[in-house]
Amino acid sequence: MATAWVKSEHQLERERIRRLRGRRSASIATVSTIVFLVLVATVVTNAPGWPRVQDSFFNWEWFVKSLPDVWHGFLLNVKMFLIAEPLILVVGLLVAVVRGLRSPVFFPLRALAIAYTDIFRGIPTILLIYMVGFGFPGLRLQGIPNDPMVLGIIALTLSYGSYVAEVFRSGIDSIHPSQIAAARSLGLSHAKALRFVVLPQAVRRVVPPLLNDFISLQKDTALVATIGAVEALRQAQIYAASKFNYTPYLVAALFFILLTIPMARFTDHLAERTRRRRGA
């Protein structure tokens, strides 16, 4: 009959000390954070220009009045993000796979993929939005969209697809060549080895950096306002221009923060889980 494992007194003492240290660290962190926030609030509220800043950026009346319209615009930001994200994943993965093709017959495609990543990573996102938003309709070709939201999604996809392609490529390159050799020795073709062996491992490794890119994408949807899309930033601009008060900008910023923080914490959770798995 197996006996139950009982912790020794030394082990119990170590766990008690560890708990005490954890509580002490948490207490010190809490107190230092409160002291820091109080100091910052004291310095800001005692600044000579604080009353004017408070009226311009923290006006409760305009906060309440602008909230519904800015929220309606923010839903457009979320819609653009949700449409652009899968498109970026598809474009990035295709470009990364093409760049990994080593056969000479695929050299034109590989050169095109390299040119795509080099060019679109080099163009600032806001400049690319201008070029797509005003350049595409200027061609006057049949089938070219005129909707600023659609044009903005195209520009964001082109820009972020180049970054995501490099993320995928780094994940693919991180897989040891022995994995492919083992798959080929089992009779799998190169395409099947890539599909069933390399890509599942590569995608799992690059999830945290991909989420970081999508956090940036979620914020950069506000840049589409520069070509006329009435999203959260544009709604805030309309209020600020007509009422001479900047509180609607604060409303828009809060909406972006409320969406970004959960994604950031989820990214940290995945990164920590990956670190523990590798450590194990």
C-alpha atoms as a PDB file:
ATOM      1  CA  MET A   1       0.000   0.000   0.000  1.00  0.00           C
ATOM      2  CA  ALA A   2       1.476   3.336  -1.069  1.00  0.00           C
ATOM      3  CA  THR A   3       1.942   5.914   1.633  1.00  0.00           C
ATOM      4  CA  ALA A   4       0.882   9.524   1.132  1.00  0.00           C
ATOM      5  CA  TRP A   5       3.695  11.966   0.543  1.00  0.00           C
ATOM      6  CA  VAL A   6       4.122  14.366   3.446  1.00  0.00           C
ATOM      7  CA  LYS A   7       6.061  17.573   3.133  1.00  0.00           C
ATOM      8  CA  SER A   8       9.028  17.914   5.434  1.00  0.00           C
ATOM      9  CA  GLU A   9       9.304  20.727   7.936  1.00  0.00           C
ATOM     10  CA  HIS A  10      12.084  22.235   5.856  1.00  0.00           C
ATOM     11  CA  GLN A  11       9.872  22.261   2.757  1.00  0.00           C
ATOM     12  CA  LEU A  12       6.986  23.807   4.691  1.00  0.00           C
ATOM     13  CA  GLU A  13       9.296  26.507   6.041  1.00  0.00           C
ATOM     14  CA  ARG A  14      10.575  27.297   2.555  1.00  0.00           C
ATOM     15  CA  GLU A  15       7.007  27.638   1.250  1.00  0.00           C
ATOM     16  CA  ARG A  16       6.084  29.887   4.193  1.00  0.00           C
ATOM     17  CA  ILE A  17       9.077  32.138   3.530  1.00  0.00           C
ATOM     18  CA  ARG A  18       8.219  32.232  -0.176  1.00  0.00           C
ATOM     19  CA  ARG A  19       4.646  33.299   0.611  1.00  0.00           C
ATOM     20  CA  LEU A  20       5.868  35.988   2.980  1.00  0.00           C
ATOM     21  CA  ARG A  21       8.257  37.319   0.353  1.00  0.00           C
ATOM     22  CA  GLY A  22       5.495  37.322  -2.233  1.00  0.00           C
ATOM     23  CA  ARG A  23       3.125  39.271   0.040  1.00  0.00           C
ATOM     24  CA  ARG A  24       5.882  41.703   0.972  1.00  0.00           C
ATOM     25  CA  SER A  25       6.773  42.296  -2.688  1.00  0.00           C
ATOM     26  CA  ALA A  26       3.121  42.833  -3.579  1.00  0.00           C
ATOM     27  CA  SER A  27       2.694  45.284  -0.691  1.00  0.00           C
ATOM     28  CA  ILE A  28       5.789  47.260  -1.646  1.00  0.00           C
ATOM     29  CA  ALA A  29       4.702  47.374  -5.288  1.00  0.00           C
ATOM     30  CA  THR A  30       1.214  48.564  -4.324  1.00  0.00           C
ATOM     31  CA  VAL A  31       2.462  51.290  -1.991  1.00  0.00           C
ATOM     32  CA  SER A  32       5.083  52.543  -4.446  1.00  0.00           C
ATOM     33  CA  THR A  33       2.504  52.648  -7.251  1.00  0.00           C
ATOM     34  CA  ILE A  34       0.036  54.628  -5.125  1.00  0.00           C
ATOM     35  CA  VAL A  35       2.763  57.076  -4.046  1.00  0.00           C
ATOM     36  CA  PHE A  36       3.870  57.545  -7.664  1.00  0.00           C
ATOM     37  CA  LEU A  37       0.327  58.163  -8.899  1.00  0.00           C
ATOM     38  CA  VAL A  38      -0.332  60.642  -6.086  1.00  0.00           C
ATOM     39  CA  LEU A  39       2.864  62.529  -6.915  1.00  0.00           C
ATOM     40  CA  VAL A  40       1.996  62.666 -10.618  1.00  0.00           C
ATOM     41  CA  ALA A  41      -1.567  63.806  -9.879  1.00  0.00           C
ATOM     42  CA  THR A  42      -0.275  66.473  -7.474  1.00  0.00           C
ATOM     43  CA  VAL A  43       2.222  67.858  -9.996  1.00  0.00           C
ATOM     44  CA  VAL A  44      -0.319  67.882 -12.842  1.00  0.00           C
ATOM     45  CA  THR A  45      -3.226  69.400 -10.902  1.00  0.00           C
ATOM     46  CA  ASN A  46      -1.004  72.127  -9.449  1.00  0.00           C
ATOM     47  CA  ALA A  47       0.408  73.151 -12.820  1.00  0.00           C
ATOM     48  CA  PRO A  48      -0.460  76.738 -13.831  1.00  0.00           C
ATOM     49  CA  GLY A  49      -2.307  75.628 -16.963  1.00  0.00           C
ATOM     50  CA  TRP A  50      -4.238  72.745 -15.376  1.00  0.00           C
ATOM     51  CA  PRO A  51      -7.659  74.540 -15.218  1.00  0.00           C
ATOM     52  CA  ARG A  52      -7.558  75.215 -18.946  1.00  0.00           C
ATOM     53  CA  VAL A  53      -6.387  71.688 -19.770  1.00  0.00           C
ATOM     54  CA  GLN A  54      -9.078  70.251 -17.524  1.00  0.00           C
ATOM     55  CA  ASP A  55     -11.768  72.234 -19.303  1.00  0.00           C
ATOM     56  CA  SER A  56     -10.412  71.361 -22.780  1.00  0.00           C
ATOM     57  CA  PHE A  57      -9.712  67.639 -22.317  1.00  0.00           C
ATOM     58  CA  PHE A  58     -11.691  66.495 -19.258  1.00  0.00           C
ATOM     59  CA  ASN A  59     -15.014  68.244 -19.713  1.00  0.00           C
ATOM     60  CA  TRP A  60     -17.684  65.854 -18.463  1.00  0.00           C
ATOM     61  CA  GLU A  61     -20.473  67.555 -20.413  1.00  0.00           C
ATOM     62  CA  TRP A  62     -18.761  67.067 -23.768  1.00  0.00           C
ATOM     63  CA  PHE A  63     -17.633  63.602 -22.735  1.00  0.00           C
ATOM     64  CA  VAL A  64     -21.251  62.498 -22.356  1.00  0.00           C
ATOM     65  CA  LYS A  65     -22.461  64.306 -25.495  1.00  0.00           C
ATOM     66  CA  SER A  66     -19.731  62.946 -27.785  1.00  0.00           C
ATOM     67  CA  LEU A  67     -19.780  59.396 -26.399  1.00  0.00           C
ATOM     68  CA  PRO A  68     -22.549  57.936 -28.659  1.00  0.00           C
ATOM     69  CA  ASP A  69     -21.139  59.351 -31.908  1.00  0.00           C
ATOM     70  CA  VAL A  70     -17.546  58.410 -31.103  1.00  0.00           C
ATOM     71  CA  TRP A  71     -18.727  54.923 -30.115  1.00  0.00           C
ATOM     72  CA  HIS A  72     -20.537  54.601 -33.447  1.00  0.00           C
ATOM     73  CA  GLY A  73     -17.334  55.582 -35.227  1.00  0.00           C
ATOM     74  CA  PHE A  74     -15.302  53.178 -33.123  1.00  0.00           C
ATOM     75  CA  LEU A  75     -17.468  50.319 -34.339  1.00  0.00           C
ATOM     76  CA  LEU A  76     -16.152  51.121 -37.824  1.00  0.00           C
ATOM     77  CA  ASN A  77     -12.597  50.810 -36.466  1.00  0.00           C
ATOM     78  CA  VAL A  78     -13.457  47.393 -35.065  1.00  0.00           C
ATOM     79  CA  LYS A  79     -15.071  46.365 -38.349  1.00  0.00           C
ATOM     80  CA  MET A  80     -11.983  47.368 -40.347  1.00  0.00           C
ATOM     81  CA  PHE A  81      -9.764  45.510 -37.885  1.00  0.00           C
ATOM     82  CA  LEU A  82     -11.820  42.320 -38.062  1.00  0.00           C
ATOM     83  CA  ILE A  83     -11.845  42.362 -41.882  1.00  0.00           C
ATOM     84  CA  ALA A  84      -8.172  43.289 -42.320  1.00  0.00           C
ATOM     85  CA  GLU A  85      -6.816  40.773 -39.785  1.00  0.00           C
ATOM     86  CA  PRO A  86      -7.641  37.532 -41.691  1.00  0.00           C
ATOM     87  CA  LEU A  87      -6.606  39.143 -44.980  1.00  0.00           C
ATOM     88  CA  ILE A  88      -3.238  40.073 -43.472  1.00  0.00           C
ATOM     89  CA  LEU A  89      -2.746  36.550 -42.144  1.00  0.00           C
ATOM     90  CA  VAL A  90      -3.412  35.057 -45.577  1.00  0.00           C
ATOM     91  CA  VAL A  91      -1.165  37.534 -47.414  1.00  0.00           C
ATOM     92  CA  GLY A  92       1.622  37.227 -44.851  1.00  0.00           C
ATOM     93  CA  LEU A  93       1.592  33.436 -44.843  1.00  0.00           C
ATOM     94  CA  LEU A  94       1.559  33.197 -48.648  1.00  0.00           C
ATOM     95  CA  VAL A  95       4.462  35.633 -48.981  1.00  0.00           C
ATOM     96  CA  ALA A  96       6.447  33.811 -46.298  1.00  0.00           C
ATOM     97  CA  VAL A  97       5.920  30.437 -47.981  1.00  0.00           C
ATOM     98  CA  VAL A  98       6.861  31.826 -51.403  1.00  0.00           C
ATOM     99  CA  ARG A  99      10.058  33.316 -49.987  1.00  0.00           C
ATOM    100  CA  GLY A 100      10.953  29.862 -48.699  1.00  0.00           C
ATOM    101  CA  LEU A 101      10.734  28.214 -52.132  1.00  0.00           C
ATOM    102  CA  ARG A 102      14.282  27.281 -53.172  1.00  0.00           C
ATOM    103  CA  SER A 103      13.711  25.801 -56.621  1.00  0.00           C
ATOM    104  CA  PRO A 104      15.109  27.989 -59.446  1.00  0.00           C
ATOM    105  CA  VAL A 105      11.798  27.774 -61.297  1.00  0.00           C
ATOM    106  CA  PHE A 106      10.160  29.790 -58.495  1.00  0.00           C
ATOM    107  CA  PHE A 107      12.754  32.579 -58.590  1.00  0.00           C
ATOM    108  CA  PRO A 108      10.369  35.165 -60.165  1.00  0.00           C
ATOM    109  CA  LEU A 109       7.797  34.552 -57.433  1.00  0.00           C
ATOM    110  CA  ARG A 110      10.477  34.675 -54.737  1.00  0.00           C
ATOM    111  CA  ALA A 111      11.851  37.940 -56.140  1.00  0.00           C
ATOM    112  CA  LEU A 112       8.347  39.395 -56.212  1.00  0.00           C
ATOM    113  CA  ALA A 113       7.784  38.382 -52.578  1.00  0.00           C
ATOM    114  CA  ILE A 114      11.077  39.976 -51.538  1.00  0.00           C
ATOM    115  CA  ALA A 115      10.227  43.171 -53.414  1.00  0.00           C
ATOM    116  CA  TYR A 116       6.804  43.259 -51.762  1.00  0.00           C
ATOM    117  CA  THR A 117       8.208  43.017 -48.228  1.00  0.00           C
ATOM    118  CA  ASP A 118      10.986  45.517 -48.902  1.00  0.00           C
ATOM    119  CA  ILE A 119       8.731  48.110 -50.514  1.00  0.00           C
ATOM    120  CA  PHE A 120       5.717  47.974 -48.235  1.00  0.00           C
ATOM    121  CA  ARG A 121       7.763  47.777 -45.049  1.00  0.00           C
ATOM    122  CA  GLY A 122       9.629  50.870 -46.210  1.00  0.00           C
ATOM    123  CA  ILE A 123       6.537  53.011 -46.875  1.00  0.00           C
ATOM    124  CA  PRO A 124       4.983  54.636 -43.776  1.00  0.00           C
ATOM    125  CA  THR A 125       1.476  53.320 -43.200  1.00  0.00           C
ATOM    126  CA  ILE A 126      -0.158  56.734 -43.337  1.00  0.00           C
ATOM    127  CA  LEU A 127       1.578  57.510 -46.632  1.00  0.00           C
ATOM    128  CA  LEU A 128       0.421  54.186 -48.070  1.00  0.00           C
ATOM    129  CA  ILE A 129      -3.143  54.977 -46.997  1.00  0.00           C
ATOM    130  CA  TYR A 130      -2.920  58.279 -48.866  1.00  0.00           C
ATOM    131  CA  MET A 131      -1.528  56.583 -51.974  1.00  0.00           C
ATOM    132  CA  VAL A 132      -4.191  53.879 -52.027  1.00  0.00           C
ATOM    133  CA  GLY A 133      -7.045  56.094 -50.857  1.00  0.00           C
ATOM    134  CA  PHE A 134      -6.491  58.775 -53.485  1.00  0.00           C
ATOM    135  CA  GLY A 135      -4.497  56.888 -56.123  1.00  0.00           C
ATOM    136  CA  PHE A 136      -6.792  53.923 -56.745  1.00  0.00           C
ATOM    137  CA  PRO A 137      -9.947  55.996 -57.403  1.00  0.00           C
ATOM    138  CA  GLY A 138      -7.869  58.363 -59.537  1.00  0.00           C
ATOM    139  CA  LEU A 139      -7.214  55.534 -61.997  1.00  0.00           C
ATOM    140  CA  ARG A 140     -10.952  55.484 -62.828  1.00  0.00           C
ATOM    141  CA  LEU A 141     -10.824  51.800 -63.670  1.00  0.00           C
ATOM    142  CA  GLN A 142     -13.973  49.720 -63.616  1.00  0.00           C
ATOM    143  CA  GLY A 143     -14.320  47.795 -60.391  1.00  0.00           C
ATOM    144  CA  ILE A 144     -12.000  50.032 -58.340  1.00  0.00           C
ATOM    145  CA  PRO A 145     -13.766  50.752 -55.010  1.00  0.00           C
ATOM    146  CA  ASN A 146     -14.405  54.309 -53.851  1.00  0.00           C
ATOM    147  CA  ASP A 147     -15.440  53.525 -50.276  1.00  0.00           C
ATOM    148  CA  PRO A 148     -12.800  54.971 -47.891  1.00  0.00           C
ATOM    149  CA  MET A 149     -13.260  52.017 -45.544  1.00  0.00           C
ATOM    150  CA  VAL A 150     -12.510  49.483 -48.299  1.00  0.00           C
ATOM    151  CA  LEU A 151      -9.535  51.479 -49.535  1.00  0.00           C
ATOM    152  CA  GLY A 152      -8.246  51.779 -45.982  1.00  0.00           C
ATOM    153  CA  ILE A 153      -8.514  48.014 -45.470  1.00  0.00           C
ATOM    154  CA  ILE A 154      -6.563  47.439 -48.695  1.00  0.00           C
ATOM    155  CA  ALA A 155      -3.809  49.813 -47.559  1.00  0.00           C
ATOM    156  CA  LEU A 156      -3.601  48.273 -44.077  1.00  0.00           C
ATOM    157  CA  THR A 157      -3.490  44.778 -45.566  1.00  0.00           C
ATOM    158  CA  LEU A 158      -0.646  45.710 -47.901  1.00  0.00           C
ATOM    159  CA  SER A 159       1.311  47.393 -45.114  1.00  0.00           C
ATOM    160  CA  TYR A 160       0.841  44.882 -42.319  1.00  0.00           C
ATOM    161  CA  GLY A 161       1.001  41.895 -44.656  1.00  0.00           C
ATOM    162  CA  SER A 162       4.674  42.687 -45.264  1.00  0.00           C
ATOM    163  CA  TYR A 163       5.423  42.722 -41.533  1.00  0.00           C
ATOM    164  CA  VAL A 164       3.441  39.571 -40.808  1.00  0.00           C
ATOM    165  CA  ALA A 165       5.194  37.812 -43.698  1.00  0.00           C
ATOM    166  CA  GLU A 166       8.523  38.357 -41.969  1.00  0.00           C
ATOM    167  CA  VAL A 167       7.075  37.097 -38.687  1.00  0.00           C
ATOM    168  CA  PHE A 168       5.883  33.911 -40.378  1.00  0.00           C
ATOM    169  CA  ARG A 169       9.208  33.541 -42.185  1.00  0.00           C
ATOM    170  CA  SER A 170      11.130  33.775 -38.920  1.00  0.00           C
ATOM    171  CA  GLY A 171       8.874  31.090 -37.451  1.00  0.00           C
ATOM    172  CA  ILE A 172       9.412  28.810 -40.444  1.00  0.00           C
ATOM    173  CA  ASP A 173      13.184  29.341 -40.323  1.00  0.00           C
ATOM    174  CA  SER A 174      13.198  28.501 -36.601  1.00  0.00           C
ATOM    175  CA  ILE A 175      12.116  24.913 -37.315  1.00  0.00           C
ATOM    176  CA  HIS A 176      15.163  22.671 -37.386  1.00  0.00           C
ATOM    177  CA  PRO A 177      15.939  21.156 -40.823  1.00  0.00           C
ATOM    178  CA  SER A 178      15.877  17.705 -39.237  1.00  0.00           C
ATOM    179  CA  GLN A 179      12.087  18.067 -38.942  1.00  0.00           C
ATOM    180  CA  ILE A 180      11.765  18.364 -42.719  1.00  0.00           C
ATOM    181  CA  ALA A 181      14.294  15.581 -43.274  1.00  0.00           C
ATOM    182  CA  ALA A 182      12.336  13.277 -40.974  1.00  0.00           C
ATOM    183  CA  ALA A 183       9.083  14.097 -42.742  1.00  0.00           C
ATOM    184  CA  ARG A 184      10.624  13.478 -46.154  1.00  0.00           C
ATOM    185  CA  SER A 185      12.059  10.165 -44.963  1.00  0.00           C
ATOM    186  CA  LEU A 186       8.521   9.086 -44.098  1.00  0.00           C
ATOM    187  CA  GLY A 187       7.466   9.663 -47.694  1.00  0.00           C
ATOM    188  CA  LEU A 188       5.933  13.112 -47.411  1.00  0.00           C
ATOM    189  CA  SER A 189       6.471  15.525 -50.259  1.00  0.00           C
ATOM    190  CA  HIS A 190       8.037  18.907 -49.570  1.00  0.00           C
ATOM    191  CA  ALA A 191       4.612  20.585 -49.729  1.00  0.00           C
ATOM    192  CA  LYS A 192       3.074  18.090 -47.295  1.00  0.00           C
ATOM    193  CA  ALA A 193       6.071  18.357 -44.952  1.00  0.00           C
ATOM    194  CA  LEU A 194       5.615  22.108 -44.954  1.00  0.00           C
ATOM    195  CA  ARG A 195       1.877  21.849 -44.399  1.00  0.00           C
ATOM    196  CA  PHE A 196       1.735  19.119 -41.758  1.00  0.00           C
ATOM    197  CA  VAL A 197       5.080  19.457 -39.973  1.00  0.00           C
ATOM    198  CA  VAL A 198       6.655  22.885 -40.369  1.00  0.00           C
ATOM    199  CA  LEU A 199       3.739  25.323 -40.485  1.00  0.00           C
ATOM    200  CA  PRO A 200       1.864  24.019 -37.400  1.00  0.00           C
ATOM    201  CA  GLN A 201       4.998  24.401 -35.288  1.00  0.00           C
ATOM    202  CA  ALA A 202       5.986  27.724 -36.853  1.00  0.00           C
ATOM    203  CA  VAL A 203       2.556  29.297 -36.399  1.00  0.00           C
ATOM    204  CA  ARG A 204       2.431  28.231 -32.755  1.00  0.00           C
ATOM    205  CA  ARG A 205       5.798  29.878 -32.125  1.00  0.00           C
ATOM    206  CA  VAL A 206       4.905  33.214 -33.698  1.00  0.00           C
ATOM    207  CA  VAL A 207       1.494  33.753 -32.094  1.00  0.00           C
ATOM    208  CA  PRO A 208       2.771  36.320 -29.503  1.00  0.00           C
ATOM    209  CA  PRO A 209       4.533  38.568 -32.066  1.00  0.00           C
ATOM    210  CA  LEU A 210       1.521  38.244 -34.380  1.00  0.00           C
ATOM    211  CA  LEU A 211      -0.752  39.489 -31.618  1.00  0.00           C
ATOM    212  CA  ASN A 212       1.592  42.424 -31.049  1.00  0.00           C
ATOM    213  CA  ASP A 213       1.260  43.317 -34.726  1.00  0.00           C
ATOM    214  CA  PHE A 214      -2.511  43.137 -34.476  1.00  0.00           C
ATOM    215  CA  ILE A 215      -2.485  45.438 -31.452  1.00  0.00           C
ATOM    216  CA  SER A 216      -0.703  47.986 -33.644  1.00  0.00           C
ATOM    217  CA  LEU A 217      -3.169  47.279 -36.467  1.00  0.00           C
ATOM    218  CA  GLN A 218      -6.106  47.980 -34.196  1.00  0.00           C
ATOM    219  CA  LYS A 219      -4.677  51.427 -33.419  1.00  0.00           C
ATOM    220  CA  ASP A 220      -3.651  52.205 -36.988  1.00  0.00           C
ATOM    221  CA  THR A 221      -7.219  51.814 -38.220  1.00  0.00           C
ATOM    222  CA  ALA A 222      -7.591  55.403 -36.980  1.00  0.00           C
ATOM    223  CA  LEU A 223      -5.275  56.505 -39.809  1.00  0.00           C
ATOM    224  CA  VAL A 224      -8.032  55.714 -42.303  1.00  0.00           C
ATOM    225  CA  ALA A 225      -9.691  58.927 -41.120  1.00  0.00           C
ATOM    226  CA  THR A 226      -7.177  60.779 -43.317  1.00  0.00           C
ATOM    227  CA  ILE A 227      -9.003  59.629 -46.467  1.00  0.00           C
ATOM    228  CA  GLY A 228     -12.506  60.373 -45.203  1.00  0.00           C
ATOM    229  CA  ALA A 229     -13.704  57.340 -43.250  1.00  0.00           C
ATOM    230  CA  VAL A 230     -15.896  58.542 -40.377  1.00  0.00           C
ATOM    231  CA  GLU A 231     -14.493  56.374 -37.602  1.00  0.00           C
ATOM    232  CA  ALA A 232     -13.718  57.217 -33.956  1.00  0.00           C
ATOM    233  CA  LEU A 233     -10.908  59.690 -34.635  1.00  0.00           C
ATOM    234  CA  ARG A 234     -12.880  61.448 -37.371  1.00  0.00           C
ATOM    235  CA  GLN A 235     -15.937  61.729 -35.139  1.00  0.00           C
ATOM    236  CA  ALA A 236     -13.762  63.215 -32.407  1.00  0.00           C
ATOM    237  CA  GLN A 237     -12.273  65.670 -34.911  1.00  0.00           C
ATOM    238  CA  ILE A 238     -15.754  66.778 -35.972  1.00  0.00           C
ATOM    239  CA  TYR A 239     -16.737  67.498 -32.382  1.00  0.00           C
ATOM    240  CA  ALA A 240     -13.441  69.227 -31.574  1.00  0.00           C
ATOM    241  CA  ALA A 241     -13.673  71.459 -34.652  1.00  0.00           C
ATOM    242  CA  SER A 242     -17.277  72.477 -34.049  1.00  0.00           C
ATOM    243  CA  LYS A 243     -17.257  72.802 -30.245  1.00  0.00           C
ATOM    244  CA  PHE A 244     -13.629  73.895 -29.678  1.00  0.00           C
ATOM    245  CA  ASN A 245     -13.205  71.213 -27.042  1.00  0.00           C
ATOM    246  CA  TYR A 246     -10.823  68.235 -27.173  1.00  0.00           C
ATOM    247  CA  THR A 247     -12.646  65.929 -24.755  1.00  0.00           C
ATOM    248  CA  PRO A 248     -13.957  63.747 -27.634  1.00  0.00           C
ATOM    249  CA  TYR A 249     -10.321  62.825 -28.370  1.00  0.00           C
ATOM    250  CA  LEU A 250     -10.121  61.460 -24.827  1.00  0.00           C
ATOM    251  CA  VAL A 251     -13.292  59.426 -25.463  1.00  0.00           C
ATOM    252  CA  ALA A 252     -11.780  57.912 -28.619  1.00  0.00           C
ATOM    253  CA  ALA A 253      -8.514  57.185 -26.801  1.00  0.00           C
ATOM    254  CA  LEU A 254     -10.363  55.380 -24.011  1.00  0.00           C
ATOM    255  CA  PHE A 255     -12.162  53.134 -26.504  1.00  0.00           C
ATOM    256  CA  PHE A 256      -8.857  52.143 -28.112  1.00  0.00           C
ATOM    257  CA  ILE A 257      -7.296  51.505 -24.701  1.00  0.00           C
ATOM    258  CA  LEU A 258     -10.210  49.309 -23.590  1.00  0.00           C
ATOM    259  CA  LEU A 259      -9.723  47.163 -26.688  1.00  0.00           C
ATOM    260  CA  THR A 260      -5.917  47.126 -26.624  1.00  0.00           C
ATOM    261  CA  ILE A 261      -5.249  46.239 -22.980  1.00  0.00           C
ATOM    262  CA  PRO A 262      -7.022  42.820 -23.027  1.00  0.00           C
ATOM    263  CA  MET A 263      -5.157  41.917 -26.215  1.00  0.00           C
ATOM    264  CA  ALA A 264      -1.857  42.974 -24.640  1.00  0.00           C
ATOM    265  CA  ARG A 265      -2.464  40.914 -21.511  1.00  0.00           C
ATOM    266  CA  PHE A 266      -3.475  37.915 -23.624  1.00  0.00           C
ATOM    267  CA  THR A 267      -0.225  38.296 -25.569  1.00  0.00           C
ATOM    268  CA  ASP A 268       1.746  38.354 -22.315  1.00  0.00           C
ATOM    269  CA  HIS A 269      -0.103  35.235 -21.161  1.00  0.00           C
ATOM    270  CA  LEU A 270       0.764  33.335 -24.334  1.00  0.00           C
ATOM    271  CA  ALA A 271       4.394  34.468 -24.170  1.00  0.00           C
ATOM    272  CA  GLU A 272       4.676  33.332 -20.559  1.00  0.00           C
ATOM    273  CA  ARG A 273       3.031  29.992 -21.343  1.00  0.00           C
ATOM    274  CA  THR A 274       5.488  29.468 -24.212  1.00  0.00           C
ATOM    275  CA  ARG A 275       8.394  30.301 -21.915  1.00  0.00           C
ATOM    276  CA  ARG A 276       7.220  27.807 -19.288  1.00  0.00           C
ATOM    277  CA  ARG A 277       6.702  25.100 -21.910  1.00  0.00           C
ATOM    278  CA  ARG A 278      10.196  25.555 -23.266  1.00  0.00           C
ATOM    279  CA  GLY A 279      11.619  25.646 -19.772  1.00  0.00           C
ATOM    280  CA  ALA A 280       9.882  22.396 -18.930  1.00  0.00           C
END
